[in-house]
Amino acid sequence: MRSTLDRASGALERVALQLGLWQTGPSRRPHAGTDASARPIRSRRVGVMSDVVITVRGEHETRIAPERAIAHLTIRAEGPERGAVVERMAALTEPVRDDLAARKSAGTVTEWTSQRVSVWSERPWNNEGKRLAPVHYATVDFSVTFTDFAVLSWWAGEVAEREGVQLGWIEWQLTPETRARTERDVATEAVGVAVARASAYAGALGLSDVTALEIADLGLLSRQDRPEAAPGPRMLMAKASFASDAAGGAPAVQLQPEDIVISAAVEARFAAR
């Protein structure tokens, strides 16, 4: 009877050995028919220290004074006769074009552009719900670029007093060279913030060696919980605020440009050990 049990036990141990559940060692006394060096593996595992992955975000922004301004204005005419409206539009735009051309030659205007005349008609309704005779409209849009803001202030005051002229808004900008340089500097600072933040986290864990694994604009880093996409360096375009000035001899329009904000944000992943 014992011989039968020993043979069955030996068969089970051979199967376990094939499945990797046994390993060699001198501390296990074998049953009959088994390898004398086989013994069972205990379930205990030995932990191995691995790198700690740290994912952080870095942001930076700067404010810089605008270098040029683009003024947008519209000249508008309307009337019951289409031909008369078009002629009226030509009479209103000609002195504005001549003035801008002279300023461009003098160097006080960097550049200016105008669109083609837009002409359309509408039939308004009266209080009794009846359609009235057509009314014809014509408009021309101008864009004028200045680098001297004092000159812009005087010009805005003068042009706003012309018949049919509507001064729209002033768009403050940087030159392309300044914008590219500033965006590059802001992005570099944002990366530095991410590195400093990751190093601080690693130091709190008693780790000192921090190695970059990935870096990207917000929303582009490969991970499951993706945030809302956002741009990298971005520039917020400031618009002018206007204030009337009734004092004689002073510009009719006082311009109050705000600084342009350029910001950048990145996501980065580091390995710390």
Protein backbone atom coordinates (compact mmCIF):
# COMPACT_ATOMS: atom_id res chain seq x y z
CA MET A 1 0.00 0.00 0.00
CA ARG A 2 2.78 2.44 0.88
CA SER A 3 4.60 1.58 -2.32
CA THR A 4 1.50 2.59 -4.32
CA LEU A 5 1.28 5.94 -2.48
CA ASP A 6 4.96 6.62 -3.04
CA ARG A 7 4.62 5.97 -6.74
CA ALA A 8 1.60 8.30 -7.00
CA SER A 9 3.39 11.02 -5.04
CA GLY A 10 6.44 10.69 -7.22
CA ALA A 11 4.32 11.08 -10.36
CA LEU A 12 2.72 14.26 -9.02
CA GLU A 13 6.10 15.72 -8.13
CA ARG A 14 7.44 14.97 -11.62
CA VAL A 15 4.45 16.84 -13.13
CA ALA A 16 5.04 19.73 -10.75
CA LEU A 17 8.70 19.78 -11.71
CA GLN A 18 7.77 20.04 -15.40
CA LEU A 19 5.36 22.89 -14.67
CA GLY A 20 8.07 24.88 -12.88
CA LEU A 21 6.56 24.47 -9.43
CA TRP A 22 9.69 22.69 -8.11
CA GLN A 23 13.31 23.66 -8.12
CA THR A 24 16.56 22.00 -7.25
CA GLY A 25 17.99 22.14 -3.75
CA PRO A 26 19.42 19.90 -1.03
CA SER A 27 16.86 20.65 1.71
CA ARG A 28 13.94 18.48 0.41
CA ARG A 29 13.92 14.74 0.98
CA PRO A 30 12.59 13.16 -2.21
CA HIS A 31 10.04 10.44 -2.52
CA ALA A 32 10.87 7.33 -4.37
CA GLY A 33 11.11 7.74 -8.11
CA THR A 34 11.89 11.49 -8.08
CA ASP A 35 14.98 13.57 -8.59
CA ALA A 36 16.91 13.71 -5.34
CA SER A 37 17.65 17.43 -5.77
CA ALA A 38 14.05 18.60 -6.37
CA ARG A 39 12.22 20.70 -3.73
CA PRO A 40 9.04 22.90 -3.81
CA ILE A 41 9.27 26.64 -4.41
CA ARG A 42 7.89 28.85 -1.66
CA SER A 43 5.47 31.70 -2.63
CA ARG A 44 7.72 34.43 -1.21
CA ARG A 45 9.10 36.99 -3.73
CA VAL A 46 12.11 39.25 -3.44
CA GLY A 47 11.24 42.91 -4.26
CA VAL A 48 13.39 44.80 -6.75
CA MET A 49 13.66 48.62 -6.60
CA SER A 50 12.43 50.17 -9.90
CA ASP A 51 12.41 53.72 -11.22
CA VAL A 52 9.67 56.06 -10.04
CA VAL A 53 7.88 57.76 -12.95
CA ILE A 54 6.98 61.41 -12.26
CA THR A 55 4.61 63.35 -14.54
CA VAL A 56 4.44 67.11 -14.08
CA ARG A 57 3.33 70.29 -15.79
CA GLY A 58 5.39 73.43 -16.28
CA GLU A 59 4.01 76.89 -17.03
CA HIS A 60 5.45 80.34 -17.61
CA GLU A 61 4.19 83.65 -18.92
CA THR A 62 5.61 87.07 -19.58
CA ARG A 63 4.23 90.50 -20.42
CA ILE A 64 5.77 92.72 -23.03
CA ALA A 65 4.86 96.15 -24.36
CA PRO A 66 3.43 96.17 -27.91
CA GLU A 67 5.66 97.35 -30.72
CA ARG A 68 3.09 98.21 -33.37
CA ALA A 69 -0.61 98.91 -33.69
CA ILE A 70 -3.08 98.11 -36.46
CA ALA A 71 -6.04 100.45 -36.67
CA HIS A 72 -9.21 99.18 -38.34
CA LEU A 73 -11.74 101.63 -39.75
CA THR A 74 -14.75 101.47 -42.04
CA ILE A 75 -16.15 104.09 -44.40
CA ARG A 76 -19.89 103.75 -44.95
CA ALA A 77 -22.45 105.40 -47.23
CA GLU A 78 -26.14 104.72 -47.84
CA GLY A 79 -29.04 106.11 -49.85
CA PRO A 80 -32.01 105.34 -52.06
CA GLU A 81 -30.05 105.38 -55.34
CA ARG A 82 -27.32 102.84 -55.93
CA GLY A 83 -25.28 105.00 -58.31
CA ALA A 84 -25.37 107.95 -55.96
CA VAL A 85 -24.26 105.78 -53.04
CA VAL A 86 -21.27 104.46 -55.01
CA GLU A 87 -20.27 107.99 -56.00
CA ARG A 88 -20.64 109.15 -52.43
CA MET A 89 -18.41 106.30 -51.28
CA ALA A 90 -15.71 107.31 -53.75
CA ALA A 91 -15.86 110.90 -52.49
CA LEU A 92 -15.49 109.76 -48.87
CA THR A 93 -12.65 107.29 -49.41
CA GLU A 94 -10.48 109.40 -51.71
CA PRO A 95 -9.24 111.88 -49.05
CA VAL A 96 -8.59 109.02 -46.61
CA ARG A 97 -6.52 107.16 -49.22
CA ASP A 98 -4.56 110.30 -50.11
CA ASP A 99 -3.85 111.01 -46.44
CA LEU A 100 -2.62 107.46 -45.80
CA ALA A 101 -0.44 107.49 -48.91
CA ALA A 102 1.17 110.76 -47.76
CA ARG A 103 1.78 109.38 -44.27
CA LYS A 104 3.27 106.22 -45.74
CA SER A 105 5.69 108.32 -47.81
CA ALA A 106 6.58 110.38 -44.74
CA GLY A 107 7.25 107.26 -42.71
CA THR A 108 4.63 107.88 -40.02
CA VAL A 109 2.55 104.94 -41.29
CA THR A 110 4.27 101.60 -41.73
CA GLU A 111 1.71 100.16 -44.13
CA TRP A 112 -1.97 100.34 -44.98
CA THR A 113 -4.44 98.28 -46.97
CA SER A 114 -8.05 98.70 -48.12
CA GLN A 115 -10.64 96.24 -49.33
CA ARG A 116 -12.86 96.56 -52.36
CA VAL A 117 -16.11 98.46 -52.06
CA SER A 118 -18.96 96.27 -50.85
CA VAL A 119 -22.39 97.28 -52.15
CA TRP A 120 -25.73 95.71 -51.20
CA SER A 121 -29.39 96.59 -50.88
CA GLU A 122 -32.08 95.99 -48.29
CA ARG A 123 -35.80 96.65 -48.20
CA PRO A 124 -36.74 97.75 -44.68
CA TRP A 125 -40.12 97.26 -43.04
CA ASN A 126 -42.27 100.05 -41.64
CA ASN A 127 -44.29 99.98 -38.44
CA GLU A 128 -47.32 98.65 -40.35
CA GLY A 129 -45.43 95.61 -41.61
CA LYS A 130 -45.05 96.81 -45.19
CA ARG A 131 -41.86 96.65 -47.24
CA LEU A 132 -40.40 100.02 -48.13
CA ALA A 133 -38.29 101.09 -51.07
CA PRO A 134 -34.80 99.56 -51.26
CA VAL A 135 -31.95 101.24 -49.37
CA HIS A 136 -28.49 100.85 -50.87
CA TYR A 137 -25.34 100.56 -48.76
CA ALA A 138 -21.63 100.69 -49.52
CA THR A 139 -18.63 100.14 -47.25
CA VAL A 140 -14.85 100.02 -47.49
CA ASP A 141 -12.58 98.62 -44.75
CA PHE A 142 -9.10 99.98 -44.05
CA SER A 143 -6.21 98.58 -41.96
CA VAL A 144 -3.42 100.97 -41.00
CA THR A 145 -0.23 99.93 -39.18
CA PHE A 146 1.65 102.35 -36.89
CA THR A 147 4.83 102.02 -34.87
CA ASP A 148 4.64 105.52 -33.38
CA PHE A 149 1.71 105.46 -30.97
CA ALA A 150 1.65 109.23 -30.54
CA VAL A 151 1.15 109.62 -34.30
CA LEU A 152 -1.57 106.98 -34.15
CA SER A 153 -3.35 108.91 -31.40
CA TRP A 154 -3.43 112.14 -33.43
CA TRP A 155 -4.48 110.33 -36.61
CA ALA A 156 -7.30 108.47 -34.84
CA GLY A 157 -8.66 111.75 -33.50
CA GLU A 158 -8.58 113.34 -36.94
CA VAL A 159 -10.02 110.47 -38.96
CA ALA A 160 -12.85 109.85 -36.48
CA GLU A 161 -14.21 113.34 -37.27
CA ARG A 162 -14.52 112.62 -41.01
CA GLU A 163 -17.97 112.05 -42.43
CA GLY A 164 -18.87 108.41 -42.94
CA VAL A 165 -15.79 107.11 -41.09
CA GLN A 166 -16.18 104.64 -38.24
CA LEU A 167 -13.03 103.85 -36.28
CA GLY A 168 -13.31 100.19 -35.25
CA TRP A 169 -10.56 98.92 -32.98
CA ILE A 170 -6.81 99.04 -32.45
CA GLU A 171 -4.94 95.75 -32.46
CA TRP A 172 -1.61 95.78 -30.61
CA GLN A 173 1.10 93.43 -31.82
CA LEU A 174 4.75 92.49 -31.58
CA THR A 175 7.03 92.22 -34.56
CA PRO A 176 7.47 88.66 -35.87
CA GLU A 177 11.08 88.61 -34.67
CA THR A 178 10.20 89.70 -31.13
CA ARG A 179 7.26 87.30 -30.98
CA ALA A 180 9.37 84.30 -32.08
CA ARG A 181 12.17 85.14 -29.63
CA THR A 182 9.79 85.69 -26.74
CA GLU A 183 7.84 82.50 -27.42
CA ARG A 184 11.11 80.55 -27.47
CA ASP A 185 12.22 82.07 -24.16
CA VAL A 186 8.84 81.45 -22.51
CA ALA A 187 8.81 77.82 -23.66
CA THR A 188 12.31 77.33 -22.25
CA GLU A 189 11.22 78.74 -18.90
CA ALA A 190 8.17 76.45 -18.85
CA VAL A 191 10.42 73.42 -19.33
CA GLY A 192 12.65 74.65 -16.52
CA VAL A 193 9.64 74.84 -14.22
CA ALA A 194 8.73 71.24 -15.10
CA VAL A 195 12.28 70.05 -14.37
CA ALA A 196 12.38 71.88 -11.05
CA ARG A 197 9.00 70.47 -10.06
CA ALA A 198 10.02 66.91 -10.92
CA SER A 199 13.28 67.30 -9.02
CA ALA A 200 11.36 68.52 -5.97
CA TYR A 201 9.07 65.49 -6.07
CA ALA A 202 12.03 63.16 -6.45
CA GLY A 203 13.86 64.80 -3.55
CA ALA A 204 10.81 64.34 -1.33
CA LEU A 205 11.03 60.61 -2.08
CA GLY A 206 14.74 60.47 -1.30
CA LEU A 207 15.72 60.15 -4.96
CA SER A 208 18.31 62.30 -6.66
CA ASP A 209 18.79 61.07 -10.23
CA VAL A 210 16.05 62.51 -12.50
CA THR A 211 15.99 61.67 -16.22
CA ALA A 212 13.56 63.11 -18.77
CA LEU A 213 11.46 60.57 -20.65
CA GLU A 214 8.86 62.65 -22.53
CA ILE A 215 7.94 66.28 -22.98
CA ALA A 216 5.09 67.80 -24.99
CA ASP A 217 2.55 70.60 -25.18
CA LEU A 218 -0.52 70.15 -23.04
CA GLY A 219 -2.70 67.30 -24.23
CA LEU A 220 -0.04 65.67 -26.42
CA LEU A 221 1.70 63.54 -23.81
CA SER A 222 0.85 59.86 -24.24
CA ARG A 223 -1.30 58.86 -21.28
CA GLN A 224 -4.78 57.59 -20.60
CA ASP A 225 -6.20 60.55 -18.69
CA ARG A 226 -5.61 63.07 -21.44
CA PRO A 227 -6.45 66.66 -20.45
CA GLU A 228 -8.10 69.18 -22.69
CA ALA A 229 -5.81 70.17 -25.50
CA ALA A 230 -4.12 73.55 -25.15
CA PRO A 231 -1.55 75.40 -27.19
CA GLY A 232 2.09 75.73 -26.37
CA PRO A 233 3.37 79.28 -26.49
CA ARG A 234 0.45 81.60 -27.13
CA MET A 235 0.14 85.34 -27.47
CA LEU A 236 -2.88 87.26 -26.29
CA MET A 237 -3.57 90.14 -28.63
CA ALA A 238 -4.42 93.33 -26.73
CA LYS A 239 -6.94 95.83 -28.00
CA ALA A 240 -7.03 99.52 -27.34
CA SER A 241 -9.25 101.27 -24.90
CA PHE A 242 -10.28 104.77 -25.89
CA ALA A 243 -10.81 107.88 -23.80
CA SER A 244 -12.12 111.20 -25.09
CA ASP A 245 -10.09 114.30 -24.39
CA ALA A 246 -11.86 117.63 -24.59
CA ALA A 247 -8.77 119.75 -23.97
CA GLY A 248 -7.80 121.92 -26.90
CA GLY A 249 -4.62 121.12 -28.78
CA ALA A 250 -4.50 117.57 -27.48
CA PRO A 251 -5.30 114.40 -29.39
CA ALA A 252 -9.02 113.73 -29.60
CA VAL A 253 -8.37 110.07 -28.81
CA GLN A 254 -6.07 108.85 -26.03
CA LEU A 255 -4.83 105.32 -26.58
CA GLN A 256 -4.14 103.09 -23.60
CA PRO A 257 -2.43 99.96 -24.89
CA GLU A 258 -2.07 97.00 -22.54
CA ASP A 259 0.92 94.71 -22.38
CA ILE A 260 0.78 91.61 -24.54
CA VAL A 261 0.78 88.36 -22.56
CA ILE A 262 2.74 85.42 -23.96
CA SER A 263 2.39 82.14 -22.09
CA ALA A 264 3.51 78.53 -22.50
CA ALA A 265 2.63 75.27 -20.73
CA VAL A 266 4.19 71.84 -21.16
CA GLU A 267 3.75 68.35 -19.77
CA ALA A 268 6.81 66.23 -18.98
CA ARG A 269 7.48 62.75 -17.71
CA PHE A 270 10.65 61.86 -15.77
CA ALA A 271 12.20 58.73 -14.30
CA ALA A 272 13.67 59.14 -10.80
CA ARG A 273 15.95 56.71 -9.04
